[in-house]
PDB file of N, CA and C in Angstrom:
ATOM      1  N   MET A   1      60.406 122.892  72.208  1.00  0.00           N
ATOM      2  CA  MET A   1      61.776 123.314  71.985  1.00  0.00           C
ATOM      3  C   MET A   1      62.673 122.790  73.101  1.00  0.00           C
ATOM      4  N   LEU A   2      62.206 122.900  74.330  1.00  0.00           N
ATOM      5  CA  LEU A   2      62.999 122.405  75.453  1.00  0.00           C
ATOM      6  C   LEU A   2      63.113 120.886  75.407  1.00  0.00           C
ATOM      7  N   ASN A   3      62.067 120.228  74.912  1.00  0.00           N
ATOM      8  CA  ASN A   3      62.120 118.768  74.776  1.00  0.00           C
ATOM      9  C   ASN A   3      63.247 118.348  73.845  1.00  0.00           C
ATOM     10  N   TYR A   4      63.380 119.036  72.720  1.00  0.00           N
ATOM     11  CA  TYR A   4      64.445 118.709  71.771  1.00  0.00           C
ATOM     12  C   TYR A   4      65.820 118.948  72.390  1.00  0.00           C
ATOM     13  N   ALA A   5      65.958 119.997  73.169  1.00  0.00           N
ATOM     14  CA  ALA A   5      67.234 120.272  73.823  1.00  0.00           C
ATOM     15  C   ALA A   5      67.594 119.147  74.793  1.00  0.00           C
ATOM     16  N   VAL A   6      66.619 118.676  75.545  1.00  0.00           N
ATOM     17  CA  VAL A   6      66.863 117.581  76.485  1.00  0.00           C
ATOM     18  C   VAL A   6      67.207 116.292  75.735  1.00  0.00           C
ATOM     19  N   ILE A   7      66.508 116.022  74.646  1.00  0.00           N
ATOM     20  CA  ILE A   7      66.780 114.817  73.861  1.00  0.00           C
ATOM     21  C   ILE A   7      68.202 114.854  73.302  1.00  0.00           C
ATOM     22  N   PHE A   8      68.623 115.986  72.742  1.00  0.00           N
ATOM     23  CA  PHE A   8      69.981 116.083  72.214  1.00  0.00           C
ATOM     24  C   PHE A   8      71.019 116.002  73.330  1.00  0.00           C
ATOM     25  N   PHE A   9      70.698 116.498  74.510  1.00  0.00           N
ATOM     26  CA  PHE A   9      71.610 116.394  75.640  1.00  0.00           C
ATOM     27  C   PHE A   9      71.782 114.936  76.053  1.00  0.00           C
ATOM     28  N   ILE A  10      70.699 114.194  76.080  1.00  0.00           N
ATOM     29  CA  ILE A  10      70.770 112.770  76.424  1.00  0.00           C
ATOM     30  C   ILE A  10      71.565 112.005  75.370  1.00  0.00           C
ATOM     31  N   ILE A  11      71.347 112.331  74.097  1.00  0.00           N
ATOM     32  CA  ILE A  11      72.129 111.705  73.025  1.00  0.00           C
ATOM     33  C   ILE A  11      73.607 112.010  73.201  1.00  0.00           C
ATOM     34  N   ALA A  12      73.934 113.244  73.573  1.00  0.00           N
ATOM     35  CA  ALA A  12      75.330 113.620  73.784  1.00  0.00           C
ATOM     36  C   ALA A  12      75.952 112.830  74.929  1.00  0.00           C
ATOM     37  N   ILE A  13      75.215 112.649  75.997  1.00  0.00           N
ATOM     38  CA  ILE A  13      75.743 111.894  77.138  1.00  0.00           C
ATOM     39  C   ILE A  13      75.976 110.441  76.749  1.00  0.00           C
ATOM     40  N   ILE A  14      75.014 109.830  76.071  1.00  0.00           N
ATOM     41  CA  ILE A  14      75.159 108.432  75.663  1.00  0.00           C
ATOM     42  C   ILE A  14      76.318 108.273  74.686  1.00  0.00           C
ATOM     43  N   ALA A  15      76.439 109.186  73.737  1.00  0.00           N
ATOM     44  CA  ALA A  15      77.529 109.113  72.768  1.00  0.00           C
ATOM     45  C   ALA A  15      78.884 109.295  73.450  1.00  0.00           C
ATOM     46  N   ALA A  16      78.948 110.170  74.445  1.00  0.00           N
ATOM     47  CA  ALA A  16      80.208 110.377  75.155  1.00  0.00           C
ATOM     48  C   ALA A  16      80.606 109.139  75.954  1.00  0.00           C
ATOM     49  N   VAL A  17      79.623 108.494  76.563  1.00  0.00           N
ATOM     50  CA  VAL A  17      79.915 107.280  77.333  1.00  0.00           C
ATOM     51  C   VAL A  17      80.412 106.171  76.410  1.00  0.00           C
ATOM     52  N   LEU A  18      79.847 106.086  75.222  1.00  0.00           N
ATOM     53  CA  LEU A  18      80.235 105.044  74.276  1.00  0.00           C
ATOM     54  C   LEU A  18      81.499 105.400  73.489  1.00  0.00           C
ATOM     55  N   GLY A  19      82.014 106.611  73.642  1.00  0.00           N
ATOM     56  CA  GLY A  19      83.265 106.985  73.019  1.00  0.00           C
ATOM     57  C   GLY A  19      83.147 107.687  71.680  1.00  0.00           C
ATOM     58  N   PHE A  20      81.968 108.073  71.291  1.00  0.00           N
ATOM     59  CA  PHE A  20      81.775 108.796  70.032  1.00  0.00           C
ATOM     60  C   PHE A  20      81.881 110.291  70.303  1.00  0.00           C
ATOM     61  N   SER A  21      83.113 110.793  70.335  1.00  0.00           N
ATOM     62  CA  SER A  21      83.312 112.176  70.753  1.00  0.00           C
ATOM     63  C   SER A  21      82.777 113.181  69.732  1.00  0.00           C
ATOM     64  N   GLY A  22      82.853 112.865  68.438  1.00  0.00           N
ATOM     65  CA  GLY A  22      82.352 113.790  67.422  1.00  0.00           C
ATOM     66  C   GLY A  22      80.851 113.964  67.501  1.00  0.00           C
ATOM     67  N   ILE A  23      80.157 112.857  67.647  1.00  0.00           N
ATOM     68  CA  ILE A  23      78.696 112.906  67.759  1.00  0.00           C
ATOM     69  C   ILE A  23      78.289 113.571  69.071  1.00  0.00           C
ATOM     70  N   ALA A  24      79.016 113.280  70.136  1.00  0.00           N
ATOM     71  CA  ALA A  24      78.703 113.885  71.435  1.00  0.00           C
ATOM     72  C   ALA A  24      78.881 115.399  71.388  1.00  0.00           C
ATOM     73  N   GLY A  25      79.950 115.854  70.743  1.00  0.00           N
ATOM     74  CA  GLY A  25      80.179 117.292  70.636  1.00  0.00           C
ATOM     75  C   GLY A  25      79.115 117.982  69.809  1.00  0.00           C
ATOM     76  N   ALA A  26      78.752 117.367  68.692  1.00  0.00           N
ATOM     77  CA  ALA A  26      77.725 117.957  67.831  1.00  0.00           C
ATOM     78  C   ALA A  26      76.374 117.990  68.549  1.00  0.00           C
ATOM     79  N   ALA A  27      76.027 116.910  69.227  1.00  0.00           N
ATOM     80  CA  ALA A  27      74.741 116.856  69.933  1.00  0.00           C
ATOM     81  C   ALA A  27      74.702 117.855  71.076  1.00  0.00           C
ATOM     82  N   SER A  28      75.813 118.031  71.772  1.00  0.00           N
ATOM     83  CA  SER A  28      75.809 119.005  72.865  1.00  0.00           C
ATOM     84  C   SER A  28      75.715 120.429  72.333  1.00  0.00           C
ATOM     85  N   ASN A  29      76.340 120.700  71.193  1.00  0.00           N
ATOM     86  CA  ASN A  29      76.210 122.028  70.587  1.00  0.00           C
ATOM     87  C   ASN A  29      74.778 122.298  70.151  1.00  0.00           C
ATOM     88  N   ILE A  30      74.139 121.318  69.553  1.00  0.00           N
ATOM     89  CA  ILE A  30      72.741 121.485  69.143  1.00  0.00           C
ATOM     90  C   ILE A  30      71.855 121.697  70.364  1.00  0.00           C
ATOM     91  N   ALA A  31      72.101 120.917  71.428  1.00  0.00           N
ATOM     92  CA  ALA A  31      71.307 121.072  72.653  1.00  0.00           C
ATOM     93  C   ALA A  31      71.489 122.464  73.241  1.00  0.00           C
ATOM     94  N   TRP A  32      72.710 122.969  73.240  1.00  0.00           N
ATOM     95  CA  TRP A  32      72.989 124.307  73.780  1.00  0.00           C
ATOM     96  C   TRP A  32      72.269 125.381  72.968  1.00  0.00           C
ATOM     97  N   ILE A  33      72.322 125.275  71.648  1.00  0.00           N
ATOM     98  CA  ILE A  33      71.662 126.260  70.784  1.00  0.00           C
ATOM     99  C   ILE A  33      70.151 126.229  70.998  1.00  0.00           C
ATOM    100  N   LEU A  34      69.568 125.036  71.053  1.00  0.00           N
ATOM    101  CA  LEU A  34      68.121 124.933  71.273  1.00  0.00           C
ATOM    102  C   LEU A  34      67.727 125.484  72.637  1.00  0.00           C
ATOM    103  N   PHE A  35      68.550 125.264  73.657  1.00  0.00           N
ATOM    104  CA  PHE A  35      68.249 125.781  74.986  1.00  0.00           C
ATOM    105  C   PHE A  35      68.292 127.302  75.011  1.00  0.00           C
ATOM    106  N   VAL A  36      69.270 127.887  74.344  1.00  0.00           N
ATOM    107  CA  VAL A  36      69.377 129.347  74.289  1.00  0.00           C
ATOM    108  C   VAL A  36      68.179 129.933  73.533  1.00  0.00           C
ATOM    109  N   VAL A  37      67.785 129.299  72.430  1.00  0.00           N
ATOM    110  CA  VAL A  37      66.618 129.765  71.675  1.00  0.00           C
ATOM    111  C   VAL A  37      65.370 129.670  72.546  1.00  0.00           C
ATOM    112  N   PHE A  38      65.245 128.576  73.312  1.00  0.00           N
ATOM    113  CA  PHE A  38      64.111 128.434  74.219  1.00  0.00           C
ATOM    114  C   PHE A  38      64.082 129.555  75.249  1.00  0.00           C
ATOM    115  N   LEU A  39      65.243 129.864  75.833  1.00  0.00           N
ATOM    116  CA  LEU A  39      65.284 130.934  76.838  1.00  0.00           C
ATOM    117  C   LEU A  39      64.909 132.285  76.244  1.00  0.00           C
ATOM    118  N   VAL A  40      65.401 132.578  75.051  1.00  0.00           N
ATOM    119  CA  VAL A  40      65.081 133.851  74.405  1.00  0.00           C
ATOM    120  C   VAL A  40      63.587 133.942  74.132  1.00  0.00           C
ATOM    121  N   LEU A  41      63.014 132.873  73.596  1.00  0.00           N
ATOM    122  CA  LEU A  41      61.581 132.884  73.311  1.00  0.00           C
ATOM    123  C   LEU A  41      60.740 132.960  74.581  1.00  0.00           C
ATOM    124  N   ALA A  42      61.202 132.328  75.655  1.00  0.00           N
ATOM    125  CA  ALA A  42      60.479 132.393  76.924  1.00  0.00           C
ATOM    126  C   ALA A  42      60.491 133.808  77.488  1.00  0.00           C
ATOM    127  N   VAL A  43      61.634 134.481  77.411  1.00  0.00           N
ATOM    128  CA  VAL A  43      61.721 135.862  77.913  1.00  0.00           C
ATOM    129  C   VAL A  43      60.846 136.788  77.075  1.00  0.00           C
ATOM    130  N   ILE A  44      60.870 136.624  75.762  1.00  0.00           N
ATOM    131  CA  ILE A  44      60.023 137.442  74.884  1.00  0.00           C
ATOM    132  C   ILE A  44      58.554 137.205  75.201  1.00  0.00           C
ATOM    133  N   SER A  45      58.196 135.942  75.421  1.00  0.00           N
ATOM    134  CA  SER A  45      56.800 135.628  75.746  1.00  0.00           C
ATOM    135  C   SER A  45      56.383 136.259  77.077  1.00  0.00           C
ATOM    136  N   LEU A  46      57.263 136.212  78.054  1.00  0.00           N
ATOM    137  CA  LEU A  46      56.925 136.821  79.361  1.00  0.00           C
ATOM    138  C   LEU A  46      56.808 138.341  79.250  1.00  0.00           C
ATOM    139  N   LEU A  47      57.672 138.944  78.468  1.00  0.00           N
ATOM    140  CA  LEU A  47      57.611 140.402  78.310  1.00  0.00           C
ATOM    141  C   LEU A  47      56.360 140.840  77.565  1.00  0.00           C
ATOM    142  N   ARG A  48      55.928 140.035  76.607  1.00  0.00           N
ATOM    143  CA  ARG A  48      54.719 140.390  75.851  1.00  0.00           C
ATOM    144  C   ARG A  48      53.469 140.260  76.716  1.00  0.00           C
ATOM    145  N   LYS A  49      53.445 139.323  77.651  1.00  0.00           N
ATOM    146  CA  LYS A  49      52.276 139.143  78.512  1.00  0.00           C
ATOM    147  C   LYS A  49      52.154 140.271  79.520  1.00  0.00           C
ATOM    148  N   LYS A  50      53.282 140.853  79.928  1.00  0.00           N
ATOM    149  CA  LYS A  50      53.252 141.948  80.888  1.00  0.00           C
ATOM    150  C   LYS A  50      52.714 143.238  80.263  1.00  0.00           C
ATOM    151  N   ALA A  51      52.930 143.417  78.984  1.00  0.00           N
ATOM    152  CA  ALA A  51      52.548 144.661  78.312  1.00  0.00           C
ATOM    153  C   ALA A  51      51.083 144.682  77.969  1.00  0.00           C
TER     154      ALA A  51
END
């Protein structure tokens, strides 16, 4: 999950440098959503291991 977030972040950076603002915005939004999902799942996993 974190790998996909990093890949979309890199795509967003490359698209922004090349001037594709629509693609850069969409890729950064996808990267942000995947990162948040990763954090939520990581916290849930850590809480389950403690119990």
